[in-house]
């Protein structure tokens, strides 16, 4: 299974639109990722951060896949919102699997392989 490349397409720093990076993939799908560091507290990512990401990722950045990453967690309300809006979440446990074992992000998020047709 191919992995999503880390730096293959344009990379943008955080700006007024709330996304941390904006990356494309050779399959033609555009991936937008927002990362939030919660320090050592492990607290949940605020739902308003997900609202902000949702409000700009597809409309401003034309994302096909939207991912929120945190070294903390997500509240139940945040998880519900993400499910309703089609946002993919990587919490502390998933981030650890991704970083420690090198599992492809497509596997972590149960997404189609990068060379599979986009939905």
PDB file of N, CA and C in Angstrom:
ATOM      1  N   UNK A   1       0.835  -1.175   0.000  1.00  0.00           N
ATOM      2  CA  UNK A   1       0.000   0.000   0.000  1.00  0.00           C
ATOM      3  C   UNK A   1       0.882   1.241   0.000  1.00  0.00           C
ATOM      4  N   UNK A   2       0.590   2.158  -0.887  1.00  0.00           N
ATOM      5  CA  UNK A   2       1.347   3.404  -0.918  1.00  0.00           C
ATOM      6  C   UNK A   2       1.009   4.263   0.290  1.00  0.00           C
ATOM      7  N   UNK A   3       1.940   5.105   0.677  1.00  0.00           N
ATOM      8  CA  UNK A   3       1.702   6.029   1.780  1.00  0.00           C
ATOM      9  C   UNK A   3       1.460   7.420   1.219  1.00  0.00           C
ATOM     10  N   UNK A   4       0.712   8.227   1.983  1.00  0.00           N
ATOM     11  CA  UNK A   4       0.532   9.621   1.596  1.00  0.00           C
ATOM     12  C   UNK A   4       1.875  10.298   1.712  1.00  0.00           C
ATOM     13  N   UNK A   5       2.303  11.005   0.695  1.00  0.00           N
ATOM     14  CA  UNK A   5       3.587  11.696   0.793  1.00  0.00           C
ATOM     15  C   UNK A   5       3.484  12.851   1.780  1.00  0.00           C
ATOM     16  N   UNK A   6       4.618  13.178   2.413  1.00  0.00           N
ATOM     17  CA  UNK A   6       4.603  14.245   3.400  1.00  0.00           C
ATOM     18  C   UNK A   6       4.827  15.615   2.783  1.00  0.00           C
ATOM     19  N   UNK A   7       5.642  15.719   1.770  1.00  0.00           N
ATOM     20  CA  UNK A   7       5.979  17.036   1.242  1.00  0.00           C
ATOM     21  C   UNK A   7       5.945  17.078  -0.280  1.00  0.00           C
ATOM     22  N   UNK A   8       5.054  16.359  -0.894  1.00  0.00           N
ATOM     23  CA  UNK A   8       5.035  16.284  -2.348  1.00  0.00           C
ATOM     24  C   UNK A   8       4.397  17.523  -2.982  1.00  0.00           C
ATOM     25  N   UNK A   9       3.449  18.152  -2.316  1.00  0.00           N
ATOM     26  CA  UNK A   9       2.706  19.265  -2.912  1.00  0.00           C
ATOM     27  C   UNK A   9       2.896  20.533  -2.087  1.00  0.00           C
ATOM     28  N   UNK A  10       2.310  21.628  -2.514  1.00  0.00           N
ATOM     29  CA  UNK A  10       2.481  22.886  -1.775  1.00  0.00           C
ATOM     30  C   UNK A  10       2.148  22.724  -0.297  1.00  0.00           C
ATOM     31  N   UNK A  11       2.913  23.391   0.517  1.00  0.00           N
ATOM     32  CA  UNK A  11       2.745  23.337   1.965  1.00  0.00           C
ATOM     33  C   UNK A  11       2.565  24.773   2.431  1.00  0.00           C
ATOM     34  N   UNK A  12       1.485  25.033   3.135  1.00  0.00           N
ATOM     35  CA  UNK A  12       1.226  26.391   3.605  1.00  0.00           C
ATOM     36  C   UNK A  12       1.267  26.427   5.117  1.00  0.00           C
ATOM     37  N   UNK A  13       1.811  27.487   5.651  1.00  0.00           N
ATOM     38  CA  UNK A  13       1.842  27.693   7.094  1.00  0.00           C
ATOM     39  C   UNK A  13       0.446  28.107   7.547  1.00  0.00           C
ATOM     40  N   UNK A  14       0.223  28.072   8.856  1.00  0.00           N
ATOM     41  CA  UNK A  14      -1.070  28.479   9.394  1.00  0.00           C
ATOM     42  C   UNK A  14      -1.377  29.905   8.982  1.00  0.00           C
ATOM     43  N   UNK A  15      -2.588  30.131   8.642  1.00  0.00           N
ATOM     44  CA  UNK A  15      -3.003  31.458   8.237  1.00  0.00           C
ATOM     45  C   UNK A  15      -4.354  31.776   8.817  1.00  0.00           C
ATOM     46  N   UNK A  16      -4.975  32.757   8.264  1.00  0.00           N
ATOM     47  CA  UNK A  16      -6.250  33.194   8.812  1.00  0.00           C
ATOM     48  C   UNK A  16      -7.372  32.200   8.549  1.00  0.00           C
ATOM     49  N   UNK A  17      -7.139  31.184   7.729  1.00  0.00           N
ATOM     50  CA  UNK A  17      -8.186  30.218   7.418  1.00  0.00           C
ATOM     51  C   UNK A  17      -8.156  28.967   8.288  1.00  0.00           C
ATOM     52  N   UNK A  18      -7.261  28.863   9.236  1.00  0.00           N
ATOM     53  CA  UNK A  18      -7.297  27.802  10.218  1.00  0.00           C
ATOM     54  C   UNK A  18      -6.596  26.503   9.886  1.00  0.00           C
ATOM     55  N   UNK A  19      -6.189  26.249   8.651  1.00  0.00           N
ATOM     56  CA  UNK A  19      -5.519  24.978   8.374  1.00  0.00           C
ATOM     57  C   UNK A  19      -4.023  25.134   8.555  1.00  0.00           C
ATOM     58  N   UNK A  20      -3.397  24.076   8.997  1.00  0.00           N
ATOM     59  CA  UNK A  20      -1.963  24.093   9.238  1.00  0.00           C
ATOM     60  C   UNK A  20      -1.187  23.762   7.972  1.00  0.00           C
ATOM     61  N   UNK A  21      -1.649  22.858   7.195  1.00  0.00           N
ATOM     62  CA  UNK A  21      -0.962  22.562   5.947  1.00  0.00           C
ATOM     63  C   UNK A  21      -1.968  22.097   4.914  1.00  0.00           C
ATOM     64  N   UNK A  22      -1.570  22.200   3.715  1.00  0.00           N
ATOM     65  CA  UNK A  22      -2.441  21.902   2.586  1.00  0.00           C
ATOM     66  C   UNK A  22      -1.575  21.102   1.625  1.00  0.00           C
ATOM     67  N   UNK A  23      -1.925  19.857   1.393  1.00  0.00           N
ATOM     68  CA  UNK A  23      -1.064  19.009   0.589  1.00  0.00           C
ATOM     69  C   UNK A  23      -1.884  18.221  -0.416  1.00  0.00           C
ATOM     70  N   UNK A  24      -1.322  18.016  -1.563  1.00  0.00           N
ATOM     71  CA  UNK A  24      -1.987  17.226  -2.587  1.00  0.00           C
ATOM     72  C   UNK A  24      -1.417  15.824  -2.626  1.00  0.00           C
ATOM     73  N   UNK A  25      -2.011  15.001  -3.430  1.00  0.00           N
ATOM     74  CA  UNK A  25      -1.526  13.635  -3.595  1.00  0.00           C
ATOM     75  C   UNK A  25      -1.554  13.297  -5.074  1.00  0.00           C
ATOM     76  N   UNK A  26      -0.707  12.375  -5.475  1.00  0.00           N
ATOM     77  CA  UNK A  26      -0.609  11.997  -6.882  1.00  0.00           C
ATOM     78  C   UNK A  26      -1.925  11.444  -7.427  1.00  0.00           C
ATOM     79  N   UNK A  27      -2.828  10.985  -6.550  1.00  0.00           N
ATOM     80  CA  UNK A  27      -4.126  10.481  -7.011  1.00  0.00           C
ATOM     81  C   UNK A  27      -5.042  11.629  -7.408  1.00  0.00           C
ATOM     82  N   UNK A  28      -4.602  12.861  -7.151  1.00  0.00           N
ATOM     83  CA  UNK A  28      -5.429  14.015  -7.462  1.00  0.00           C
ATOM     84  C   UNK A  28      -6.244  14.501  -6.285  1.00  0.00           C
ATOM     85  N   UNK A  29      -6.233  13.756  -5.181  1.00  0.00           N
ATOM     86  CA  UNK A  29      -6.966  14.183  -3.991  1.00  0.00           C
ATOM     87  C   UNK A  29      -6.141  15.204  -3.222  1.00  0.00           C
ATOM     88  N   UNK A  30      -6.809  16.234  -2.735  1.00  0.00           N
ATOM     89  CA  UNK A  30      -6.147  17.256  -1.926  1.00  0.00           C
ATOM     90  C   UNK A  30      -6.451  16.955  -0.459  1.00  0.00           C
ATOM     91  N   UNK A  31      -5.409  16.944   0.354  1.00  0.00           N
ATOM     92  CA  UNK A  31      -5.515  16.635   1.774  1.00  0.00           C
ATOM     93  C   UNK A  31      -5.186  17.884   2.573  1.00  0.00           C
ATOM     94  N   UNK A  32      -6.066  18.260   3.494  1.00  0.00           N
ATOM     95  CA  UNK A  32      -5.820  19.385   4.385  1.00  0.00           C
ATOM     96  C   UNK A  32      -5.760  18.837   5.803  1.00  0.00           C
ATOM     97  N   UNK A  33      -4.693  19.218   6.520  1.00  0.00           N
ATOM     98  CA  UNK A  33      -4.462  18.729   7.877  1.00  0.00           C
ATOM     99  C   UNK A  33      -4.331  19.907   8.823  1.00  0.00           C
ATOM    100  N   UNK A  34      -4.991  19.817   9.966  1.00  0.00           N
ATOM    101  CA  UNK A  34      -4.799  20.798  11.021  1.00  0.00           C
ATOM    102  C   UNK A  34      -4.268  20.055  12.232  1.00  0.00           C
ATOM    103  N   UNK A  35      -3.145  20.551  12.779  1.00  0.00           N
ATOM    104  CA  UNK A  35      -2.504  19.920  13.934  1.00  0.00           C
ATOM    105  C   UNK A  35      -2.620  20.823  15.147  1.00  0.00           C
ATOM    106  N   UNK A  36      -2.971  20.240  16.287  1.00  0.00           N
ATOM    107  CA  UNK A  36      -3.054  20.980  17.541  1.00  0.00           C
ATOM    108  C   UNK A  36      -2.268  20.220  18.599  1.00  0.00           C
ATOM    109  N   UNK A  37      -1.359  20.925  19.244  1.00  0.00           N
ATOM    110  CA  UNK A  37      -0.556  20.352  20.323  1.00  0.00           C
ATOM    111  C   UNK A  37      -1.174  20.760  21.644  1.00  0.00           C
ATOM    112  N   UNK A  38      -1.481  19.791  22.489  1.00  0.00           N
ATOM    113  CA  UNK A  38      -2.127  20.100  23.763  1.00  0.00           C
ATOM    114  C   UNK A  38      -1.151  20.072  24.932  1.00  0.00           C
ATOM    115  N   UNK A  39       0.140  20.161  24.632  1.00  0.00           N
ATOM    116  CA  UNK A  39       1.124  20.086  25.716  1.00  0.00           C
ATOM    117  C   UNK A  39       1.133  18.698  26.310  1.00  0.00           C
ATOM    118  N   UNK A  40       1.440  18.614  27.568  1.00  0.00           N
ATOM    119  CA  UNK A  40       1.475  17.305  28.230  1.00  0.00           C
ATOM    120  C   UNK A  40       0.163  16.996  28.932  1.00  0.00           C
ATOM    121  N   UNK A  41      -0.803  17.917  28.847  1.00  0.00           N
ATOM    122  CA  UNK A  41      -2.072  17.726  29.553  1.00  0.00           C
ATOM    123  C   UNK A  41      -2.945  16.651  28.917  1.00  0.00           C
ATOM    124  N   UNK A  42      -2.791  16.443  27.600  1.00  0.00           N
ATOM    125  CA  UNK A  42      -3.615  15.457  26.907  1.00  0.00           C
ATOM    126  C   UNK A  42      -5.065  15.884  26.780  1.00  0.00           C
ATOM    127  N   UNK A  43      -5.336  17.173  26.978  1.00  0.00           N
ATOM    128  CA  UNK A  43      -6.719  17.646  26.920  1.00  0.00           C
ATOM    129  C   UNK A  43      -7.291  17.492  25.510  1.00  0.00           C
ATOM    130  N   UNK A  44      -8.596  17.580  25.431  1.00  0.00           N
ATOM    131  CA  UNK A  44      -9.283  17.428  24.150  1.00  0.00           C
ATOM    132  C   UNK A  44      -9.130  18.671  23.289  1.00  0.00           C
ATOM    133  N   UNK A  45      -9.072  18.435  21.976  1.00  0.00           N
ATOM    134  CA  UNK A  45      -9.061  19.532  21.017  1.00  0.00           C
ATOM    135  C   UNK A  45     -10.421  20.221  21.081  1.00  0.00           C
ATOM    136  N   UNK A  46     -10.420  21.532  21.179  1.00  0.00           N
ATOM    137  CA  UNK A  46     -11.665  22.285  21.306  1.00  0.00           C
ATOM    138  C   UNK A  46     -12.545  22.105  20.070  1.00  0.00           C
ATOM    139  N   UNK A  47     -13.851  21.893  20.276  1.00  0.00           N
ATOM    140  CA  UNK A  47     -14.751  21.738  19.133  1.00  0.00           C
ATOM    141  C   UNK A  47     -14.706  22.933  18.176  1.00  0.00           C
ATOM    142  N   UNK A  48     -14.441  24.149  18.691  1.00  0.00           N
ATOM    143  CA  UNK A  48     -14.396  25.299  17.786  1.00  0.00           C
ATOM    144  C   UNK A  48     -13.253  25.189  16.785  1.00  0.00           C
ATOM    145  N   UNK A  49     -12.181  24.469  17.133  1.00  0.00           N
ATOM    146  CA  UNK A  49     -11.094  24.245  16.174  1.00  0.00           C
ATOM    147  C   UNK A  49     -11.579  23.357  15.023  1.00  0.00           C
ATOM    148  N   UNK A  50     -12.420  22.386  15.329  1.00  0.00           N
ATOM    149  CA  UNK A  50     -12.994  21.538  14.287  1.00  0.00           C
ATOM    150  C   UNK A  50     -13.980  22.332  13.435  1.00  0.00           C
ATOM    151  N   UNK A  51     -14.743  23.217  14.067  1.00  0.00           N
ATOM    152  CA  UNK A  51     -15.677  24.067  13.312  1.00  0.00           C
ATOM    153  C   UNK A  51     -14.906  24.949  12.334  1.00  0.00           C
ATOM    154  N   UNK A  52     -13.800  25.521  12.805  1.00  0.00           N
ATOM    155  CA  UNK A  52     -12.974  26.376  11.957  1.00  0.00           C
ATOM    156  C   UNK A  52     -12.394  25.588  10.784  1.00  0.00           C
ATOM    157  N   UNK A  53     -11.852  24.412  11.089  1.00  0.00           N
ATOM    158  CA  UNK A  53     -11.288  23.559  10.041  1.00  0.00           C
ATOM    159  C   UNK A  53     -12.357  23.193   9.020  1.00  0.00           C
ATOM    160  N   UNK A  54     -13.524  22.791   9.506  1.00  0.00           N
ATOM    161  CA  UNK A  54     -14.614  22.405   8.616  1.00  0.00           C
ATOM    162  C   UNK A  54     -15.066  23.572   7.752  1.00  0.00           C
ATOM    163  N   UNK A  55     -15.033  24.771   8.304  1.00  0.00           N
ATOM    164  CA  UNK A  55     -15.508  25.933   7.582  1.00  0.00           C
ATOM    165  C   UNK A  55     -14.586  26.418   6.491  1.00  0.00           C
ATOM    166  N   UNK A  56     -13.350  25.943   6.476  1.00  0.00           N
ATOM    167  CA  UNK A  56     -12.409  26.435   5.470  1.00  0.00           C
ATOM    168  C   UNK A  56     -11.774  25.344   4.611  1.00  0.00           C
ATOM    169  N   UNK A  57     -11.639  24.151   5.115  1.00  0.00           N
ATOM    170  CA  UNK A  57     -10.868  23.121   4.407  1.00  0.00           C
ATOM    171  C   UNK A  57     -11.384  22.855   2.996  1.00  0.00           C
ATOM    172  N   UNK A  58     -12.657  22.622   2.876  1.00  0.00           N
ATOM    173  CA  UNK A  58     -13.207  22.314   1.548  1.00  0.00           C
ATOM    174  C   UNK A  58     -13.481  23.582   0.743  1.00  0.00           C
ATOM    175  N   UNK A  59     -14.053  24.601   1.376  1.00  0.00           N
ATOM    176  CA  UNK A  59     -14.428  25.807   0.650  1.00  0.00           C
ATOM    177  C   UNK A  59     -13.216  26.619   0.209  1.00  0.00           C
ATOM    178  N   UNK A  60     -12.251  26.838   1.096  1.00  0.00           N
ATOM    179  CA  UNK A  60     -11.092  27.682   0.782  1.00  0.00           C
ATOM    180  C   UNK A  60      -9.974  26.875   0.124  1.00  0.00           C
ATOM    181  N   UNK A  61      -9.665  25.704   0.692  1.00  0.00           N
ATOM    182  CA  UNK A  61      -8.527  24.911   0.225  1.00  0.00           C
ATOM    183  C   UNK A  61      -8.911  23.812  -0.756  1.00  0.00           C
ATOM    184  N   UNK A  62     -10.207  23.641  -1.013  1.00  0.00           N
ATOM    185  CA  UNK A  62     -10.703  22.639  -1.975  1.00  0.00           C
ATOM    186  C   UNK A  62     -10.284  21.219  -1.597  1.00  0.00           C
ATOM    187  N   UNK A  63     -10.348  20.904  -0.303  1.00  0.00           N
ATOM    188  CA  UNK A  63      -9.911  19.598   0.202  1.00  0.00           C
ATOM    189  C   UNK A  63     -10.879  18.483  -0.169  1.00  0.00           C
ATOM    190  N   UNK A  64     -10.301  17.332  -0.473  1.00  0.00           N
ATOM    191  CA  UNK A  64     -11.071  16.106  -0.640  1.00  0.00           C
ATOM    192  C   UNK A  64     -11.061  15.308   0.657  1.00  0.00           C
ATOM    193  N   UNK A  65      -9.953  15.399   1.383  1.00  0.00           N
ATOM    194  CA  UNK A  65      -9.776  14.696   2.652  1.00  0.00           C
ATOM    195  C   UNK A  65      -9.356  15.739   3.686  1.00  0.00           C
ATOM    196  N   UNK A  66     -10.082  15.778   4.826  1.00  0.00           N
ATOM    197  CA  UNK A  66      -9.800  16.742   5.889  1.00  0.00           C
ATOM    198  C   UNK A  66      -9.455  15.958   7.156  1.00  0.00           C
ATOM    199  N   UNK A  67      -8.285  16.281   7.743  1.00  0.00           N
ATOM    200  CA  UNK A  67      -7.791  15.538   8.907  1.00  0.00           C
ATOM    201  C   UNK A  67      -7.424  16.510  10.015  1.00  0.00           C
ATOM    202  N   UNK A  68      -7.882  16.228  11.237  1.00  0.00           N
ATOM    203  CA  UNK A  68      -7.473  16.963  12.433  1.00  0.00           C
ATOM    204  C   UNK A  68      -6.598  16.025  13.253  1.00  0.00           C
ATOM    205  N   UNK A  69      -5.424  16.518  13.652  1.00  0.00           N
ATOM    206  CA  UNK A  69      -4.460  15.709  14.415  1.00  0.00           C
ATOM    207  C   UNK A  69      -4.183  16.405  15.738  1.00  0.00           C
ATOM    208  N   UNK A  70      -4.179  15.652  16.827  1.00  0.00           N
ATOM    209  CA  UNK A  70      -3.818  16.197  18.133  1.00  0.00           C
ATOM    210  C   UNK A  70      -3.076  15.144  18.946  1.00  0.00           C
ATOM    211  N   UNK A  71      -2.221  15.624  19.838  1.00  0.00           N
ATOM    212  CA  UNK A  71      -1.571  14.693  20.756  1.00  0.00           C
ATOM    213  C   UNK A  71      -2.429  14.518  22.002  1.00  0.00           C
ATOM    214  N   UNK A  72      -3.619  15.088  21.991  1.00  0.00           N
ATOM    215  CA  UNK A  72      -4.594  14.926  23.073  1.00  0.00           C
ATOM    216  C   UNK A  72      -5.719  14.031  22.594  1.00  0.00           C
ATOM    217  N   UNK A  73      -6.925  14.527  22.723  1.00  0.00           N
ATOM    218  CA  UNK A  73      -8.093  13.760  22.310  1.00  0.00           C
ATOM    219  C   UNK A  73      -9.140  14.668  21.707  1.00  0.00           C
ATOM    220  N   UNK A  74     -10.329  14.116  21.518  1.00  0.00           N
ATOM    221  CA  UNK A  74     -11.470  14.853  20.988  1.00  0.00           C
ATOM    222  C   UNK A  74     -12.657  14.586  21.899  1.00  0.00           C
ATOM    223  N   UNK A  75     -13.420  15.620  22.194  1.00  0.00           N
ATOM    224  CA  UNK A  75     -14.605  15.446  23.027  1.00  0.00           C
ATOM    225  C   UNK A  75     -15.643  14.648  22.250  1.00  0.00           C
ATOM    226  N   UNK A  76     -16.607  14.111  22.971  1.00  0.00           N
ATOM    227  CA  UNK A  76     -17.673  13.371  22.294  1.00  0.00           C
ATOM    228  C   UNK A  76     -18.408  14.287  21.324  1.00  0.00           C
ATOM    229  N   UNK A  77     -18.654  15.513  21.730  1.00  0.00           N
ATOM    230  CA  UNK A  77     -19.309  16.483  20.846  1.00  0.00           C
ATOM    231  C   UNK A  77     -18.474  16.734  19.595  1.00  0.00           C
ATOM    232  N   UNK A  78     -17.153  16.828  19.770  1.00  0.00           N
ATOM    233  CA  UNK A  78     -16.264  17.023  18.625  1.00  0.00           C
ATOM    234  C   UNK A  78     -16.273  15.828  17.691  1.00  0.00           C
ATOM    235  N   UNK A  79     -16.260  14.616  18.263  1.00  0.00           N
ATOM    236  CA  UNK A  79     -16.302  13.398  17.445  1.00  0.00           C
ATOM    237  C   UNK A  79     -17.616  13.301  16.659  1.00  0.00           C
ATOM    238  N   UNK A  80     -18.711  13.658  17.309  1.00  0.00           N
ATOM    239  CA  UNK A  80     -20.008  13.638  16.632  1.00  0.00           C
ATOM    240  C   UNK A  80     -20.014  14.627  15.464  1.00  0.00           C
ATOM    241  N   UNK A  81     -19.525  15.838  15.719  1.00  0.00           N
ATOM    242  CA  UNK A  81     -19.470  16.858  14.679  1.00  0.00           C
ATOM    243  C   UNK A  81     -18.606  16.387  13.510  1.00  0.00           C
ATOM    244  N   UNK A  82     -17.438  15.827  13.826  1.00  0.00           N
ATOM    245  CA  UNK A  82     -16.529  15.336  12.781  1.00  0.00           C
ATOM    246  C   UNK A  82     -17.207  14.252  11.945  1.00  0.00           C
ATOM    247  N   UNK A  83     -17.920  13.345  12.596  1.00  0.00           N
ATOM    248  CA  UNK A  83     -18.631  12.291  11.874  1.00  0.00           C
ATOM    249  C   UNK A  83     -19.700  12.852  10.955  1.00  0.00           C
ATOM    250  N   UNK A  84     -20.431  13.847  11.432  1.00  0.00           N
ATOM    251  CA  UNK A  84     -21.478  14.471  10.624  1.00  0.00           C
ATOM    252  C   UNK A  84     -20.910  15.192   9.408  1.00  0.00           C
ATOM    253  N   UNK A  85     -19.720  15.770   9.559  1.00  0.00           N
ATOM    254  CA  UNK A  85     -19.132  16.604   8.520  1.00  0.00           C
ATOM    255  C   UNK A  85     -18.088  15.887   7.665  1.00  0.00           C
ATOM    256  N   UNK A  86     -17.784  14.644   7.973  1.00  0.00           N
ATOM    257  CA  UNK A  86     -16.797  13.899   7.191  1.00  0.00           C
ATOM    258  C   UNK A  86     -15.352  14.309   7.472  1.00  0.00           C
ATOM    259  N   UNK A  87     -15.088  14.786   8.693  1.00  0.00           N
ATOM    260  CA  UNK A  87     -13.715  15.112   9.095  1.00  0.00           C
ATOM    261  C   UNK A  87     -13.085  13.860   9.685  1.00  0.00           C
ATOM    262  N   UNK A  88     -11.825  13.635   9.408  1.00  0.00           N
ATOM    263  CA  UNK A  88     -11.106  12.485   9.948  1.00  0.00           C
ATOM    264  C   UNK A  88     -10.280  12.947  11.140  1.00  0.00           C
ATOM    265  N   UNK A  89     -10.282  12.141  12.208  1.00  0.00           N
ATOM    266  CA  UNK A  89      -9.612  12.524  13.450  1.00  0.00           C
ATOM    267  C   UNK A  89      -8.472  11.576  13.786  1.00  0.00           C
ATOM    268  N   UNK A  90      -7.342  12.152  14.167  1.00  0.00           N
ATOM    269  CA  UNK A  90      -6.211  11.372  14.671  1.00  0.00           C
ATOM    270  C   UNK A  90      -5.923  11.887  16.076  1.00  0.00           C
ATOM    271  N   UNK A  91      -6.253  11.054  17.067  1.00  0.00           N
ATOM    272  CA  UNK A  91      -6.013  11.429  18.461  1.00  0.00           C
ATOM    273  C   UNK A  91      -4.679  10.863  18.924  1.00  0.00           C
ATOM    274  N   UNK A  92      -4.407  10.982  20.211  1.00  0.00           N
ATOM    275  CA  UNK A  92      -3.127  10.554  20.768  1.00  0.00           C
ATOM    276  C   UNK A  92      -2.813   9.091  20.444  1.00  0.00           C
ATOM    277  N   UNK A  93      -3.788   8.198  20.614  1.00  0.00           N
ATOM    278  CA  UNK A  93      -3.552   6.765  20.369  1.00  0.00           C
ATOM    279  C   UNK A  93      -3.252   6.494  18.893  1.00  0.00           C
ATOM    280  N   UNK A  94      -4.033   7.107  18.010  1.00  0.00           N
ATOM    281  CA  UNK A  94      -3.806   6.912  16.576  1.00  0.00           C
ATOM    282  C   UNK A  94      -2.478   7.539  16.148  1.00  0.00           C
ATOM    283  N   UNK A  95      -2.164   8.707  16.712  1.00  0.00           N
ATOM    284  CA  UNK A  95      -0.897   9.368  16.412  1.00  0.00           C
ATOM    285  C   UNK A  95       0.279   8.489  16.856  1.00  0.00           C
ATOM    286  N   UNK A  96       0.126   7.845  17.994  1.00  0.00           N
ATOM    287  CA  UNK A  96       1.183   6.955  18.478  1.00  0.00           C
ATOM    288  C   UNK A  96       1.358   5.752  17.542  1.00  0.00           C
ATOM    289  N   UNK A  97       0.254   5.166  17.070  1.00  0.00           N
ATOM    290  CA  UNK A  97       0.350   4.047  16.112  1.00  0.00           C
ATOM    291  C   UNK A  97       1.029   4.507  14.828  1.00  0.00           C
ATOM    292  N   UNK A  98       0.669   5.687  14.378  1.00  0.00           N
ATOM    293  CA  UNK A  98       1.223   6.234  13.148  1.00  0.00           C
ATOM    294  C   UNK A  98       2.709   6.503  13.314  1.00  0.00           C
ATOM    295  N   UNK A  99       3.097   7.131  14.424  1.00  0.00           N
ATOM    296  CA  UNK A  99       4.498   7.504  14.644  1.00  0.00           C
ATOM    297  C   UNK A  99       5.371   6.314  15.039  1.00  0.00           C
ATOM    298  N   UNK A 100       4.862   5.448  15.885  1.00  0.00           N
ATOM    299  CA  UNK A 100       5.663   4.339  16.397  1.00  0.00           C
ATOM    300  C   UNK A 100       5.821   3.206  15.391  1.00  0.00           C
ATOM    301  N   UNK A 101       4.725   2.815  14.789  1.00  0.00           N
ATOM    302  CA  UNK A 101       4.752   1.642  13.917  1.00  0.00           C
ATOM    303  C   UNK A 101       4.769   1.998  12.439  1.00  0.00           C
ATOM    304  N   UNK A 102       4.647   3.272  12.128  1.00  0.00           N
ATOM    305  CA  UNK A 102       4.710   3.690  10.730  1.00  0.00           C
ATOM    306  C   UNK A 102       3.538   3.227   9.894  1.00  0.00           C
ATOM    307  N   UNK A 103       2.395   2.991  10.568  1.00  0.00           N
ATOM    308  CA  UNK A 103       1.212   2.568   9.824  1.00  0.00           C
ATOM    309  C   UNK A 103       0.816   3.688   8.864  1.00  0.00           C
ATOM    310  N   UNK A 104       0.432   3.377   7.656  1.00  0.00           N
ATOM    311  CA  UNK A 104       0.009   4.414   6.711  1.00  0.00           C
ATOM    312  C   UNK A 104      -1.215   5.169   7.252  1.00  0.00           C
ATOM    313  N   UNK A 105      -1.270   6.460   7.005  1.00  0.00           N
ATOM    314  CA  UNK A 105      -2.398   7.256   7.489  1.00  0.00           C
ATOM    315  C   UNK A 105      -3.704   6.735   6.900  1.00  0.00           C
ATOM    316  N   UNK A 106      -3.659   6.198   5.702  1.00  0.00           N
ATOM    317  CA  UNK A 106      -4.870   5.622   5.116  1.00  0.00           C
ATOM    318  C   UNK A 106      -5.386   4.463   5.957  1.00  0.00           C
ATOM    319  N   UNK A 107      -4.467   3.685   6.524  1.00  0.00           N
ATOM    320  CA  UNK A 107      -4.859   2.565   7.390  1.00  0.00           C
ATOM    321  C   UNK A 107      -5.370   3.078   8.730  1.00  0.00           C
ATOM    322  N   UNK A 108      -4.682   4.056   9.300  1.00  0.00           N
ATOM    323  CA  UNK A 108      -5.086   4.626  10.589  1.00  0.00           C
ATOM    324  C   UNK A 108      -6.517   5.166  10.497  1.00  0.00           C
ATOM    325  N   UNK A 109      -6.846   5.791   9.371  1.00  0.00           N
ATOM    326  CA  UNK A 109      -8.150   6.428   9.207  1.00  0.00           C
ATOM    327  C   UNK A 109      -9.158   5.585   8.422  1.00  0.00           C
ATOM    328  N   UNK A 110      -8.776   4.374   8.029  1.00  0.00           N
ATOM    329  CA  UNK A 110      -9.639   3.507   7.217  1.00  0.00           C
ATOM    330  C   UNK A 110     -10.082   4.202   5.930  1.00  0.00           C
ATOM    331  N   UNK A 111      -9.119   4.838   5.268  1.00  0.00           N
ATOM    332  CA  UNK A 111      -9.365   5.511   3.987  1.00  0.00           C
ATOM    333  C   UNK A 111      -8.947   4.600   2.845  1.00  0.00           C
ATOM    334  N   UNK A 112      -9.486   4.824   1.654  1.00  0.00           N
ATOM    335  CA  UNK A 112      -9.016   4.066   0.501  1.00  0.00           C
ATOM    336  C   UNK A 112      -7.536   4.356   0.258  1.00  0.00           C
ATOM    337  N   UNK A 113      -6.842   3.405  -0.291  1.00  0.00           N
ATOM    338  CA  UNK A 113      -5.432   3.593  -0.629  1.00  0.00           C
ATOM    339  C   UNK A 113      -5.282   4.792  -1.565  1.00  0.00           C
ATOM    340  N   UNK A 114      -4.147   5.470  -1.538  1.00  0.00           N
ATOM    341  CA  UNK A 114      -3.957   6.672  -2.361  1.00  0.00           C
ATOM    342  C   UNK A 114      -4.211   6.466  -3.845  1.00  0.00           C
ATOM    343  N   UNK A 115      -3.959   5.266  -4.367  1.00  0.00           N
ATOM    344  CA  UNK A 115      -4.180   5.073  -5.797  1.00  0.00           C
ATOM    345  C   UNK A 115      -5.593   4.540  -6.093  1.00  0.00           C
ATOM    346  N   UNK A 116      -6.429   4.413  -5.034  1.00  0.00           N
ATOM    347  CA  UNK A 116      -7.808   4.011  -5.251  1.00  0.00           C
ATOM    348  C   UNK A 116      -8.610   5.225  -5.699  1.00  0.00           C
ATOM    349  N   UNK A 117      -9.666   5.025  -6.449  1.00  0.00           N
ATOM    350  CA  UNK A 117     -10.469   6.174  -6.899  1.00  0.00           C
ATOM    351  C   UNK A 117     -11.063   6.909  -5.700  1.00  0.00           C
ATOM    352  N   UNK A 118     -11.077   8.243  -5.779  1.00  0.00           N
ATOM    353  CA  UNK A 118     -11.672   9.059  -4.715  1.00  0.00           C
ATOM    354  C   UNK A 118     -13.184   8.934  -4.772  1.00  0.00           C
ATOM    355  N   UNK A 119     -13.826   9.041  -3.611  1.00  0.00           N
ATOM    356  CA  UNK A 119     -15.301   8.968  -3.550  1.00  0.00           C
ATOM    357  C   UNK A 119     -15.929  10.227  -4.060  1.00  0.00           C
TER     358      UNK A 119
END
